[in-house]
Amino acid sequence: MTTFLPTGAAGRPVWVTARAARRLIVKIVSGIAVLIAAATVAWAAQLAVPGDRATAILNIRSGRDESYTASQLAPVNRQFGFDQSLVQQWLHYIGGFFTGDLGTSYSQYKPVTEIIGAQLGPSLVLTLLALVVAWLIAVTGSLLTVKRGRFLGGLGSSIEAFTASLPQYWVGMILLVLFAVQIPLFPVIGGNGIAGTVLPVLTLAIPLSGFLGQVIRDEFDKVLDQPFITTARTRGLGDTAVRLGHGLRHAVIPAISLSGWALGALISGAVIVENIYGRPGIGQVLVTAVNTRDVPTVAGVVVVVAAIYIVANLLVDLAYSLIDPRLRAS
């Protein structure tokens, strides 16, 4: 007996589309829960600061450690809501997070979202460029060395293992000394143009390309032994066409999953890189906030990085479906 399934506009069974929609909804709900948890931790960190928060704010503003009377502290407690219960303060912070309010900076007297928003763009540009460059290096290395003989295969694998083990701050210092001091091809500090972006991007991309390359290499090596690759070769396709048209699409799927984590890691790494090269970005915001004990700004950076990480993982899920349509039904 033949069973007929209702199909959608694209010809796929409706139950497949519904399952994909449910999966996406679950991911979004999970992401929101993680964001609330991250915001809660950030809020709790503000409570963990030793001493009275109102006193700390007045000391930051005056630049001196002093004691204050209750009448002097009352306006600050009222302004920042410290006179409310902890439950009310938490609800206010979580509610503000979803409306774009992360509190007020202790040292700059401005909304935290305004401070972070003014510097987030350069950090995102640096992060995305580094991710693209890391992918280009990893994919190129795999295409040129996998199944190309023992020497090339071993060389590619060794380079990936070496670069993956490099700390970003070490890579940044080496590149800075070599290509900005010894060979002055790029600006030493504060370059915001294309030339000033090259070394920071490479600092983030080189270690990440090692991780991505190892994952792509392992999968690529397995894919090139699959029967459908042999079939493609028997149809007369050249090696390059087989690798690019058939093997690569399947080999990069595990690395795409790693890219979701990588984007969050790159944002964190940007904090180090921006300070090495004197670039604007949330790295400078975070360092300044730590030095001035500006806890709301520090907490705001933590929450924003968590939000970027969650959004990145949702995008990775969508990329899965674009690269391999079979995953839509999983």
C-alpha atoms as a PDB file:
ATOM      1  CA  MET A   1       0.000   0.000   0.000  1.00  0.00           C
ATOM      2  CA  THR A   2       1.342   3.418  -0.927  1.00  0.00           C
ATOM      3  CA  THR A   3       1.493   6.127   1.747  1.00  0.00           C
ATOM      4  CA  PHE A   4       1.241   9.731   0.651  1.00  0.00           C
ATOM      5  CA  LEU A   5       2.789  12.501   2.773  1.00  0.00           C
ATOM      6  CA  PRO A   6       1.641  16.123   2.471  1.00  0.00           C
ATOM      7  CA  THR A   7       4.379  18.224   0.971  1.00  0.00           C
ATOM      8  CA  GLY A   8       5.331  21.837   1.333  1.00  0.00           C
ATOM      9  CA  ALA A   9       6.092  24.371  -1.373  1.00  0.00           C
ATOM     10  CA  ALA A  10       9.624  23.036  -1.830  1.00  0.00           C
ATOM     11  CA  GLY A  11       8.417  19.467  -2.235  1.00  0.00           C
ATOM     12  CA  ARG A  12       9.626  18.271   1.179  1.00  0.00           C
ATOM     13  CA  PRO A  13       7.268  16.414   3.530  1.00  0.00           C
ATOM     14  CA  VAL A  14       5.522  18.769   5.954  1.00  0.00           C
ATOM     15  CA  TRP A  15       6.676  16.695   8.942  1.00  0.00           C
ATOM     16  CA  VAL A  16      10.301  17.369   7.948  1.00  0.00           C
ATOM     17  CA  THR A  17       9.699  21.123   7.854  1.00  0.00           C
ATOM     18  CA  ALA A  18       7.822  20.989  11.168  1.00  0.00           C
ATOM     19  CA  ARG A  19      10.638  19.012  12.770  1.00  0.00           C
ATOM     20  CA  ALA A  20      13.206  21.548  11.564  1.00  0.00           C
ATOM     21  CA  ALA A  21      11.054  24.391  12.917  1.00  0.00           C
ATOM     22  CA  ARG A  22      10.709  22.681  16.312  1.00  0.00           C
ATOM     23  CA  ARG A  23      14.452  22.111  16.414  1.00  0.00           C
ATOM     24  CA  LEU A  24      15.098  25.796  15.687  1.00  0.00           C
ATOM     25  CA  ILE A  25      12.600  26.878  18.371  1.00  0.00           C
ATOM     26  CA  VAL A  26      14.278  24.608  20.936  1.00  0.00           C
ATOM     27  CA  LYS A  27      17.646  26.118  20.026  1.00  0.00           C
ATOM     28  CA  ILE A  28      16.315  29.664  20.424  1.00  0.00           C
ATOM     29  CA  VAL A  29      14.683  28.898  23.790  1.00  0.00           C
ATOM     30  CA  SER A  30      17.895  27.229  24.984  1.00  0.00           C
ATOM     31  CA  GLY A  31      19.880  30.258  23.837  1.00  0.00           C
ATOM     32  CA  ILE A  32      17.600  32.617  25.766  1.00  0.00           C
ATOM     33  CA  ALA A  33      17.994  30.455  28.890  1.00  0.00           C
ATOM     34  CA  VAL A  34      21.780  30.581  28.552  1.00  0.00           C
ATOM     35  CA  LEU A  35      21.656  34.356  28.108  1.00  0.00           C
ATOM     36  CA  ILE A  36      19.591  34.717  31.278  1.00  0.00           C
ATOM     37  CA  ALA A  37      22.087  32.521  33.119  1.00  0.00           C
ATOM     38  CA  ALA A  38      25.027  34.580  31.818  1.00  0.00           C
ATOM     39  CA  ALA A  39      23.288  37.830  32.754  1.00  0.00           C
ATOM     40  CA  THR A  40      22.557  36.431  36.220  1.00  0.00           C
ATOM     41  CA  VAL A  41      26.207  35.513  36.759  1.00  0.00           C
ATOM     42  CA  ALA A  42      27.257  38.969  35.578  1.00  0.00           C
ATOM     43  CA  TRP A  43      24.755  40.597  37.955  1.00  0.00           C
ATOM     44  CA  ALA A  44      25.885  38.397  40.864  1.00  0.00           C
ATOM     45  CA  ALA A  45      29.502  39.381  40.184  1.00  0.00           C
ATOM     46  CA  GLN A  46      28.563  42.979  40.913  1.00  0.00           C
ATOM     47  CA  LEU A  47      27.277  41.916  44.329  1.00  0.00           C
ATOM     48  CA  ALA A  48      30.521  40.053  45.020  1.00  0.00           C
ATOM     49  CA  VAL A  49      32.612  43.248  44.935  1.00  0.00           C
ATOM     50  CA  PRO A  50      33.994  43.821  48.470  1.00  0.00           C
ATOM     51  CA  GLY A  51      32.416  46.650  50.390  1.00  0.00           C
ATOM     52  CA  ASP A  52      29.385  48.795  49.803  1.00  0.00           C
ATOM     53  CA  ARG A  53      28.648  49.444  46.115  1.00  0.00           C
ATOM     54  CA  ALA A  54      27.561  53.044  46.675  1.00  0.00           C
ATOM     55  CA  THR A  55      30.796  53.740  48.556  1.00  0.00           C
ATOM     56  CA  ALA A  56      32.803  52.124  45.750  1.00  0.00           C
ATOM     57  CA  ILE A  57      31.096  54.334  43.146  1.00  0.00           C
ATOM     58  CA  LEU A  58      31.803  57.526  45.092  1.00  0.00           C
ATOM     59  CA  ASN A  59      35.426  56.467  45.624  1.00  0.00           C
ATOM     60  CA  ILE A  60      35.840  55.779  41.891  1.00  0.00           C
ATOM     61  CA  ARG A  61      34.440  59.202  41.071  1.00  0.00           C
ATOM     62  CA  SER A  62      36.584  61.021  43.636  1.00  0.00           C
ATOM     63  CA  GLY A  63      39.713  58.927  43.115  1.00  0.00           C
ATOM     64  CA  ARG A  64      40.144  58.523  46.885  1.00  0.00           C
ATOM     65  CA  ASP A  65      39.198  55.903  49.464  1.00  0.00           C
ATOM     66  CA  GLU A  66      36.862  57.607  51.932  1.00  0.00           C
ATOM     67  CA  SER A  67      33.964  56.835  54.238  1.00  0.00           C
ATOM     68  CA  TYR A  68      30.563  58.405  53.645  1.00  0.00           C
ATOM     69  CA  THR A  69      27.512  59.036  55.720  1.00  0.00           C
ATOM     70  CA  ALA A  70      24.140  57.429  55.024  1.00  0.00           C
ATOM     71  CA  SER A  71      22.808  60.739  53.697  1.00  0.00           C
ATOM     72  CA  GLN A  72      25.707  60.957  51.232  1.00  0.00           C
ATOM     73  CA  LEU A  73      25.169  57.380  50.071  1.00  0.00           C
ATOM     74  CA  ALA A  74      21.367  57.650  49.770  1.00  0.00           C
ATOM     75  CA  PRO A  75      21.306  59.470  46.354  1.00  0.00           C
ATOM     76  CA  VAL A  76      23.670  56.895  44.828  1.00  0.00           C
ATOM     77  CA  ASN A  77      21.659  53.981  46.244  1.00  0.00           C
ATOM     78  CA  ARG A  78      18.508  55.518  44.806  1.00  0.00           C
ATOM     79  CA  GLN A  79      20.072  56.268  41.397  1.00  0.00           C
ATOM     80  CA  PHE A  80      21.357  52.715  40.885  1.00  0.00           C
ATOM     81  CA  GLY A  81      18.467  50.941  42.629  1.00  0.00           C
ATOM     82  CA  PHE A  82      20.623  49.554  45.460  1.00  0.00           C
ATOM     83  CA  ASP A  83      17.865  50.426  47.934  1.00  0.00           C
ATOM     84  CA  GLN A  84      15.589  47.780  46.377  1.00  0.00           C
ATOM     85  CA  SER A  85      15.480  44.112  47.332  1.00  0.00           C
ATOM     86  CA  LEU A  86      17.878  41.706  45.588  1.00  0.00           C
ATOM     87  CA  VAL A  87      14.984  40.074  43.738  1.00  0.00           C
ATOM     88  CA  GLN A  88      13.837  43.447  42.406  1.00  0.00           C
ATOM     89  CA  GLN A  89      17.388  44.341  41.398  1.00  0.00           C
ATOM     90  CA  TRP A  90      17.786  41.018  39.571  1.00  0.00           C
ATOM     91  CA  LEU A  91      14.461  41.375  37.745  1.00  0.00           C
ATOM     92  CA  HIS A  92      15.368  44.915  36.756  1.00  0.00           C
ATOM     93  CA  TYR A  93      18.765  43.799  35.415  1.00  0.00           C
ATOM     94  CA  ILE A  94      17.377  40.836  33.457  1.00  0.00           C
ATOM     95  CA  GLY A  95      14.513  42.914  32.100  1.00  0.00           C
ATOM     96  CA  GLY A  96      16.939  45.652  31.122  1.00  0.00           C
ATOM     97  CA  PHE A  97      19.164  43.160  29.341  1.00  0.00           C
ATOM     98  CA  PHE A  98      16.346  42.219  26.946  1.00  0.00           C
ATOM     99  CA  THR A  99      15.565  45.898  26.317  1.00  0.00           C
ATOM    100  CA  GLY A 100      19.194  46.883  25.748  1.00  0.00           C
ATOM    101  CA  ASP A 101      19.879  48.294  29.227  1.00  0.00           C
ATOM    102  CA  LEU A 102      22.964  46.841  30.951  1.00  0.00           C
ATOM    103  CA  GLY A 103      23.172  49.469  33.640  1.00  0.00           C
ATOM    104  CA  THR A 104      25.251  52.619  34.047  1.00  0.00           C
ATOM    105  CA  SER A 105      29.028  52.840  34.069  1.00  0.00           C
ATOM    106  CA  TYR A 106      30.489  53.692  37.472  1.00  0.00           C
ATOM    107  CA  SER A 107      33.365  55.681  35.988  1.00  0.00           C
ATOM    108  CA  GLN A 108      32.000  57.166  32.759  1.00  0.00           C
ATOM    109  CA  TYR A 109      28.446  57.898  33.992  1.00  0.00           C
ATOM    110  CA  LYS A 110      27.021  56.618  30.700  1.00  0.00           C
ATOM    111  CA  PRO A 111      24.866  53.603  29.808  1.00  0.00           C
ATOM    112  CA  VAL A 112      26.984  50.473  29.463  1.00  0.00           C
ATOM    113  CA  THR A 113      25.268  49.611  26.166  1.00  0.00           C
ATOM    114  CA  GLU A 114      26.355  52.967  24.750  1.00  0.00           C
ATOM    115  CA  ILE A 115      29.976  52.395  25.809  1.00  0.00           C
ATOM    116  CA  ILE A 116      30.125  48.851  24.422  1.00  0.00           C
ATOM    117  CA  GLY A 117      28.103  49.699  21.301  1.00  0.00           C
ATOM    118  CA  ALA A 118      30.567  52.419  20.333  1.00  0.00           C
ATOM    119  CA  GLN A 119      33.454  49.909  20.318  1.00  0.00           C
ATOM    120  CA  LEU A 120      31.755  46.647  19.323  1.00  0.00           C
ATOM    121  CA  GLY A 121      31.939  47.270  15.559  1.00  0.00           C
ATOM    122  CA  PRO A 122      35.771  47.207  15.265  1.00  0.00           C
ATOM    123  CA  SER A 123      35.908  44.021  17.376  1.00  0.00           C
ATOM    124  CA  LEU A 124      33.323  42.249  15.220  1.00  0.00           C
ATOM    125  CA  VAL A 125      35.096  43.271  12.005  1.00  0.00           C
ATOM    126  CA  LEU A 126      38.398  41.979  13.388  1.00  0.00           C
ATOM    127  CA  THR A 127      36.770  38.741  14.555  1.00  0.00           C
ATOM    128  CA  LEU A 128      34.935  37.990  11.297  1.00  0.00           C
ATOM    129  CA  LEU A 129      37.981  38.761   9.160  1.00  0.00           C
ATOM    130  CA  ALA A 130      40.081  36.463  11.345  1.00  0.00           C
ATOM    131  CA  LEU A 131      37.507  33.667  10.990  1.00  0.00           C
ATOM    132  CA  VAL A 132      37.471  34.018   7.195  1.00  0.00           C
ATOM    133  CA  VAL A 133      41.284  34.036   6.977  1.00  0.00           C
ATOM    134  CA  ALA A 134      41.538  31.026   9.313  1.00  0.00           C
ATOM    135  CA  TRP A 135      39.110  29.098   7.084  1.00  0.00           C
ATOM    136  CA  LEU A 136      41.047  30.042   3.938  1.00  0.00           C
ATOM    137  CA  ILE A 137      44.322  28.854   5.468  1.00  0.00           C
ATOM    138  CA  ALA A 138      42.792  25.608   6.797  1.00  0.00           C
ATOM    139  CA  VAL A 139      40.950  24.697   3.592  1.00  0.00           C
ATOM    140  CA  THR A 140      43.907  25.555   1.365  1.00  0.00           C
ATOM    141  CA  GLY A 141      46.250  23.497   3.512  1.00  0.00           C
ATOM    142  CA  SER A 142      43.947  20.480   3.391  1.00  0.00           C
ATOM    143  CA  LEU A 143      43.375  20.714  -0.364  1.00  0.00           C
ATOM    144  CA  LEU A 144      47.115  20.906  -1.039  1.00  0.00           C
ATOM    145  CA  THR A 145      48.337  18.184   1.333  1.00  0.00           C
ATOM    146  CA  VAL A 146      45.653  15.564   2.089  1.00  0.00           C
ATOM    147  CA  LYS A 147      46.281  12.367   0.084  1.00  0.00           C
ATOM    148  CA  ARG A 148      49.207  14.069  -1.664  1.00  0.00           C
ATOM    149  CA  GLY A 149      51.878  11.671  -0.445  1.00  0.00           C
ATOM    150  CA  ARG A 150      53.461  10.916   2.914  1.00  0.00           C
ATOM    151  CA  PHE A 151      55.792  13.929   2.939  1.00  0.00           C
ATOM    152  CA  LEU A 152      53.181  16.595   2.105  1.00  0.00           C
ATOM    153  CA  GLY A 153      50.580  14.954   4.335  1.00  0.00           C
ATOM    154  CA  GLY A 154      52.981  14.828   7.280  1.00  0.00           C
ATOM    155  CA  LEU A 155      54.144  18.397   6.658  1.00  0.00           C
ATOM    156  CA  GLY A 156      50.582  19.745   6.570  1.00  0.00           C
ATOM    157  CA  SER A 157      49.620  17.847   9.720  1.00  0.00           C
ATOM    158  CA  SER A 158      52.729  19.063  11.582  1.00  0.00           C
ATOM    159  CA  ILE A 159      52.134  22.688  10.643  1.00  0.00           C
ATOM    160  CA  GLU A 160      48.521  22.483  11.823  1.00  0.00           C
ATOM    161  CA  ALA A 161      49.516  20.900  15.145  1.00  0.00           C
ATOM    162  CA  PHE A 162      52.181  23.575  15.658  1.00  0.00           C
ATOM    163  CA  THR A 163      49.960  26.567  14.841  1.00  0.00           C
ATOM    164  CA  ALA A 164      47.099  25.209  16.957  1.00  0.00           C
ATOM    165  CA  SER A 165      49.402  25.169  19.989  1.00  0.00           C
ATOM    166  CA  LEU A 166      50.491  28.802  19.641  1.00  0.00           C
ATOM    167  CA  PRO A 167      49.149  31.322  22.207  1.00  0.00           C
ATOM    168  CA  GLN A 168      47.598  34.356  20.557  1.00  0.00           C
ATOM    169  CA  TYR A 169      49.593  36.852  22.608  1.00  0.00           C
ATOM    170  CA  TRP A 170      52.858  35.129  21.547  1.00  0.00           C
ATOM    171  CA  VAL A 171      51.863  35.184  17.869  1.00  0.00           C
ATOM    172  CA  GLY A 172      50.947  38.846  18.215  1.00  0.00           C
ATOM    173  CA  MET A 173      54.281  39.802  19.764  1.00  0.00           C
ATOM    174  CA  ILE A 174      56.284  37.834  17.156  1.00  0.00           C
ATOM    175  CA  LEU A 175      54.379  39.360  14.223  1.00  0.00           C
ATOM    176  CA  LEU A 176      54.687  42.819  15.769  1.00  0.00           C
ATOM    177  CA  VAL A 177      58.470  42.523  16.214  1.00  0.00           C
ATOM    178  CA  LEU A 178      59.069  40.978  12.780  1.00  0.00           C
ATOM    179  CA  PHE A 179      56.744  42.943  10.510  1.00  0.00           C
ATOM    180  CA  ALA A 180      56.290  46.243  12.323  1.00  0.00           C
ATOM    181  CA  VAL A 181      59.681  46.796  13.999  1.00  0.00           C
ATOM    182  CA  GLN A 182      62.359  44.755  12.189  1.00  0.00           C
ATOM    183  CA  ILE A 183      60.674  44.945   8.773  1.00  0.00           C
ATOM    184  CA  PRO A 184      58.416  48.017   9.005  1.00  0.00           C
ATOM    185  CA  LEU A 185      55.685  46.891   6.622  1.00  0.00           C
ATOM    186  CA  PHE A 186      52.806  47.576   9.015  1.00  0.00           C
ATOM    187  CA  PRO A 187      52.122  50.188  11.717  1.00  0.00           C
ATOM    188  CA  VAL A 188      53.351  49.345  15.210  1.00  0.00           C
ATOM    189  CA  ILE A 189      50.289  50.545  17.047  1.00  0.00           C
ATOM    190  CA  GLY A 190      46.892  52.110  16.501  1.00  0.00           C
ATOM    191  CA  GLY A 191      46.520  51.430  12.789  1.00  0.00           C
ATOM    192  CA  ASN A 192      42.837  51.387  11.813  1.00  0.00           C
ATOM    193  CA  GLY A 193      43.208  51.099   8.041  1.00  0.00           C
ATOM    194  CA  ILE A 194      43.804  47.986   5.955  1.00  0.00           C
ATOM    195  CA  ALA A 195      47.522  47.913   6.777  1.00  0.00           C
ATOM    196  CA  GLY A 196      46.801  48.208  10.485  1.00  0.00           C
ATOM    197  CA  THR A 197      44.354  45.308  10.333  1.00  0.00           C
ATOM    198  CA  VAL A 198      46.615  42.690   8.725  1.00  0.00           C
ATOM    199  CA  LEU A 199      48.726  41.755  11.759  1.00  0.00           C
ATOM    200  CA  PRO A 200      45.811  41.667  14.268  1.00  0.00           C
ATOM    201  CA  VAL A 201      43.805  39.451  11.887  1.00  0.00           C
ATOM    202  CA  LEU A 202      46.740  37.067  11.397  1.00  0.00           C
ATOM    203  CA  THR A 203      47.337  36.960  15.159  1.00  0.00           C
ATOM    204  CA  LEU A 204      43.829  35.616  15.681  1.00  0.00           C
ATOM    205  CA  ALA A 205      43.640  33.531  12.501  1.00  0.00           C
ATOM    206  CA  ILE A 206      46.884  31.539  12.658  1.00  0.00           C
ATOM    207  CA  PRO A 207      46.178  29.538  15.850  1.00  0.00           C
ATOM    208  CA  LEU A 208      42.544  28.984  14.849  1.00  0.00           C
ATOM    209  CA  SER A 209      43.540  27.757  11.378  1.00  0.00           C
ATOM    210  CA  GLY A 210      45.483  24.962  13.063  1.00  0.00           C
ATOM    211  CA  PHE A 211      42.387  23.738  14.906  1.00  0.00           C
ATOM    212  CA  LEU A 212      40.173  23.988  11.835  1.00  0.00           C
ATOM    213  CA  GLY A 213      42.809  22.371   9.633  1.00  0.00           C
ATOM    214  CA  GLN A 214      43.128  19.342  11.893  1.00  0.00           C
ATOM    215  CA  VAL A 215      39.368  18.754  11.854  1.00  0.00           C
ATOM    216  CA  ILE A 216      39.044  19.268   8.086  1.00  0.00           C
ATOM    217  CA  ARG A 217      42.094  17.066   7.407  1.00  0.00           C
ATOM    218  CA  ASP A 218      40.738  14.099   9.382  1.00  0.00           C
ATOM    219  CA  GLU A 219      37.347  14.277   7.691  1.00  0.00           C
ATOM    220  CA  PHE A 220      38.783  14.976   4.239  1.00  0.00           C
ATOM    221  CA  ASP A 221      41.040  11.926   4.515  1.00  0.00           C
ATOM    222  CA  LYS A 222      37.989   9.727   5.226  1.00  0.00           C
ATOM    223  CA  VAL A 223      35.782  11.334   2.565  1.00  0.00           C
ATOM    224  CA  LEU A 224      38.311  10.795  -0.223  1.00  0.00           C
ATOM    225  CA  ASP A 225      38.098   7.035   0.427  1.00  0.00           C
ATOM    226  CA  GLN A 226      34.304   6.925   0.094  1.00  0.00           C
ATOM    227  CA  PRO A 227      32.618   5.091  -2.825  1.00  0.00           C
ATOM    228  CA  PHE A 228      30.950   8.228  -4.209  1.00  0.00           C
ATOM    229  CA  ILE A 229      34.412   9.777  -4.677  1.00  0.00           C
ATOM    230  CA  THR A 230      35.513   6.699  -6.646  1.00  0.00           C
ATOM    231  CA  THR A 231      32.348   6.984  -8.748  1.00  0.00           C
ATOM    232  CA  ALA A 232      33.071  10.647  -9.463  1.00  0.00           C
ATOM    233  CA  ARG A 233      36.564   9.774 -10.624  1.00  0.00           C
ATOM    234  CA  THR A 234      35.282   7.004 -12.933  1.00  0.00           C
ATOM    235  CA  ARG A 235      33.034   9.582 -14.623  1.00  0.00           C
ATOM    236  CA  GLY A 236      36.173  11.346 -15.772  1.00  0.00           C
ATOM    237  CA  LEU A 237      36.359  14.174 -13.217  1.00  0.00           C
ATOM    238  CA  GLY A 238      39.833  15.456 -12.454  1.00  0.00           C
ATOM    239  CA  ASP A 239      41.368  15.419  -8.989  1.00  0.00           C
ATOM    240  CA  THR A 240      40.765  19.122  -8.390  1.00  0.00           C
ATOM    241  CA  ALA A 241      37.112  18.891  -9.441  1.00  0.00           C
ATOM    242  CA  VAL A 242      36.561  15.864  -7.184  1.00  0.00           C
ATOM    243  CA  ARG A 243      38.153  17.555  -4.195  1.00  0.00           C
ATOM    244  CA  LEU A 244      36.351  20.868  -4.625  1.00  0.00           C
ATOM    245  CA  GLY A 245      33.005  19.646  -5.955  1.00  0.00           C
ATOM    246  CA  HIS A 246      32.464  16.490  -3.931  1.00  0.00           C
ATOM    247  CA  GLY A 247      34.955  15.994  -1.124  1.00  0.00           C
ATOM    248  CA  LEU A 248      35.236  19.458   0.371  1.00  0.00           C
ATOM    249  CA  ARG A 249      31.507  19.949   1.015  1.00  0.00           C
ATOM    250  CA  HIS A 250      31.399  16.868   3.232  1.00  0.00           C
ATOM    251  CA  ALA A 251      34.783  17.456   4.857  1.00  0.00           C
ATOM    252  CA  VAL A 252      33.977  20.931   6.208  1.00  0.00           C
ATOM    253  CA  ILE A 253      30.801  19.991   8.105  1.00  0.00           C
ATOM    254  CA  PRO A 254      32.585  19.096  11.404  1.00  0.00           C
ATOM    255  CA  ALA A 255      34.694  22.269  11.141  1.00  0.00           C
ATOM    256  CA  ILE A 256      31.544  24.373  10.789  1.00  0.00           C
ATOM    257  CA  SER A 257      30.454  23.092  14.184  1.00  0.00           C
ATOM    258  CA  LEU A 258      33.820  24.182  15.561  1.00  0.00           C
ATOM    259  CA  SER A 259      33.343  27.638  14.021  1.00  0.00           C
ATOM    260  CA  GLY A 260      30.458  28.371  16.389  1.00  0.00           C
ATOM    261  CA  TRP A 261      32.814  27.949  19.333  1.00  0.00           C
ATOM    262  CA  ALA A 262      35.603  29.710  17.431  1.00  0.00           C
ATOM    263  CA  LEU A 263      33.653  32.927  16.963  1.00  0.00           C
ATOM    264  CA  GLY A 264      33.155  33.257  20.703  1.00  0.00           C
ATOM    265  CA  ALA A 265      36.814  32.406  21.318  1.00  0.00           C
ATOM    266  CA  LEU A 266      37.917  34.989  18.745  1.00  0.00           C
ATOM    267  CA  ILE A 267      35.886  37.712  20.451  1.00  0.00           C
ATOM    268  CA  SER A 268      37.644  36.814  23.709  1.00  0.00           C
ATOM    269  CA  GLY A 269      40.999  36.738  21.935  1.00  0.00           C
ATOM    270  CA  ALA A 270      40.287  40.151  20.450  1.00  0.00           C
ATOM    271  CA  VAL A 271      40.627  41.565  23.975  1.00  0.00           C
ATOM    272  CA  ILE A 272      44.308  40.564  23.960  1.00  0.00           C
ATOM    273  CA  VAL A 273      44.981  41.506  20.350  1.00  0.00           C
ATOM    274  CA  GLU A 274      43.395  44.945  20.609  1.00  0.00           C
ATOM    275  CA  ASN A 275      45.644  45.778  23.530  1.00  0.00           C
ATOM    276  CA  ILE A 276      48.791  44.447  21.829  1.00  0.00           C
ATOM    277  CA  TYR A 277      48.177  46.576  18.735  1.00  0.00           C
ATOM    278  CA  GLY A 278      46.439  49.499  20.437  1.00  0.00           C
ATOM    279  CA  ARG A 279      43.271  49.042  18.388  1.00  0.00           C
ATOM    280  CA  PRO A 280      39.820  50.314  19.385  1.00  0.00           C
ATOM    281  CA  GLY A 281      37.287  47.694  20.446  1.00  0.00           C
ATOM    282  CA  ILE A 282      35.695  46.011  23.426  1.00  0.00           C
ATOM    283  CA  GLY A 283      39.154  44.822  24.504  1.00  0.00           C
ATOM    284  CA  GLN A 284      40.099  48.389  25.324  1.00  0.00           C
ATOM    285  CA  VAL A 285      36.722  48.878  27.004  1.00  0.00           C
ATOM    286  CA  LEU A 286      37.236  45.811  29.186  1.00  0.00           C
ATOM    287  CA  VAL A 287      40.783  46.693  30.250  1.00  0.00           C
ATOM    288  CA  THR A 288      39.774  50.258  31.107  1.00  0.00           C
ATOM    289  CA  ALA A 289      36.759  48.993  33.080  1.00  0.00           C
ATOM    290  CA  VAL A 290      38.893  46.520  35.048  1.00  0.00           C
ATOM    291  CA  ASN A 291      41.495  49.177  35.861  1.00  0.00           C
ATOM    292  CA  THR A 292      38.805  51.578  37.101  1.00  0.00           C
ATOM    293  CA  ARG A 293      36.800  48.844  38.907  1.00  0.00           C
ATOM    294  CA  ASP A 294      33.842  49.622  36.653  1.00  0.00           C
ATOM    295  CA  VAL A 295      31.956  46.388  37.415  1.00  0.00           C
ATOM    296  CA  PRO A 296      28.776  47.069  35.330  1.00  0.00           C
ATOM    297  CA  THR A 297      30.885  47.601  32.204  1.00  0.00           C
ATOM    298  CA  VAL A 298      32.901  44.433  32.844  1.00  0.00           C
ATOM    299  CA  ALA A 299      29.656  42.497  33.366  1.00  0.00           C
ATOM    300  CA  GLY A 300      28.199  44.053  30.210  1.00  0.00           C
ATOM    301  CA  VAL A 301      31.151  42.891  28.090  1.00  0.00           C
ATOM    302  CA  VAL A 302      30.768  39.361  29.488  1.00  0.00           C
ATOM    303  CA  VAL A 303      27.067  39.273  28.617  1.00  0.00           C
ATOM    304  CA  VAL A 304      27.617  40.678  25.110  1.00  0.00           C
ATOM    305  CA  VAL A 305      30.308  38.070  24.380  1.00  0.00           C
ATOM    306  CA  ALA A 306      27.935  35.342  25.601  1.00  0.00           C
ATOM    307  CA  ALA A 307      25.184  36.689  23.335  1.00  0.00           C
ATOM    308  CA  ILE A 308      27.527  36.679  20.319  1.00  0.00           C
ATOM    309  CA  TYR A 309      28.556  33.102  21.090  1.00  0.00           C
ATOM    310  CA  ILE A 310      24.917  31.947  21.235  1.00  0.00           C
ATOM    311  CA  VAL A 311      23.962  33.734  18.011  1.00  0.00           C
ATOM    312  CA  ALA A 312      27.011  32.206  16.316  1.00  0.00           C
ATOM    313  CA  ASN A 313      25.911  28.718  17.282  1.00  0.00           C
ATOM    314  CA  LEU A 314      22.417  29.355  15.908  1.00  0.00           C
ATOM    315  CA  LEU A 315      23.968  30.477  12.627  1.00  0.00           C
ATOM    316  CA  VAL A 316      26.074  27.314  12.597  1.00  0.00           C
ATOM    317  CA  ASP A 317      22.903  25.263  12.847  1.00  0.00           C
ATOM    318  CA  LEU A 318      21.477  27.070   9.821  1.00  0.00           C
ATOM    319  CA  ALA A 319      24.737  26.606   7.914  1.00  0.00           C
ATOM    320  CA  TYR A 320      24.459  22.856   8.519  1.00  0.00           C
ATOM    321  CA  SER A 321      21.202  22.796   6.596  1.00  0.00           C
ATOM    322  CA  LEU A 322      22.558  24.874   3.728  1.00  0.00           C
ATOM    323  CA  ILE A 323      25.600  22.656   3.206  1.00  0.00           C
ATOM    324  CA  ASP A 324      23.902  19.279   3.742  1.00  0.00           C
ATOM    325  CA  PRO A 325      20.085  19.334   3.236  1.00  0.00           C
ATOM    326  CA  ARG A 326      19.838  15.878   4.809  1.00  0.00           C
ATOM    327  CA  LEU A 327      20.490  17.489   8.185  1.00  0.00           C
ATOM    328  CA  ARG A 328      17.175  19.368   7.994  1.00  0.00           C
ATOM    329  CA  ALA A 329      15.357  16.186   8.791  1.00  0.00           C
ATOM    330  CA  SER A 330      17.599  15.195  11.694  1.00  0.00           C
END
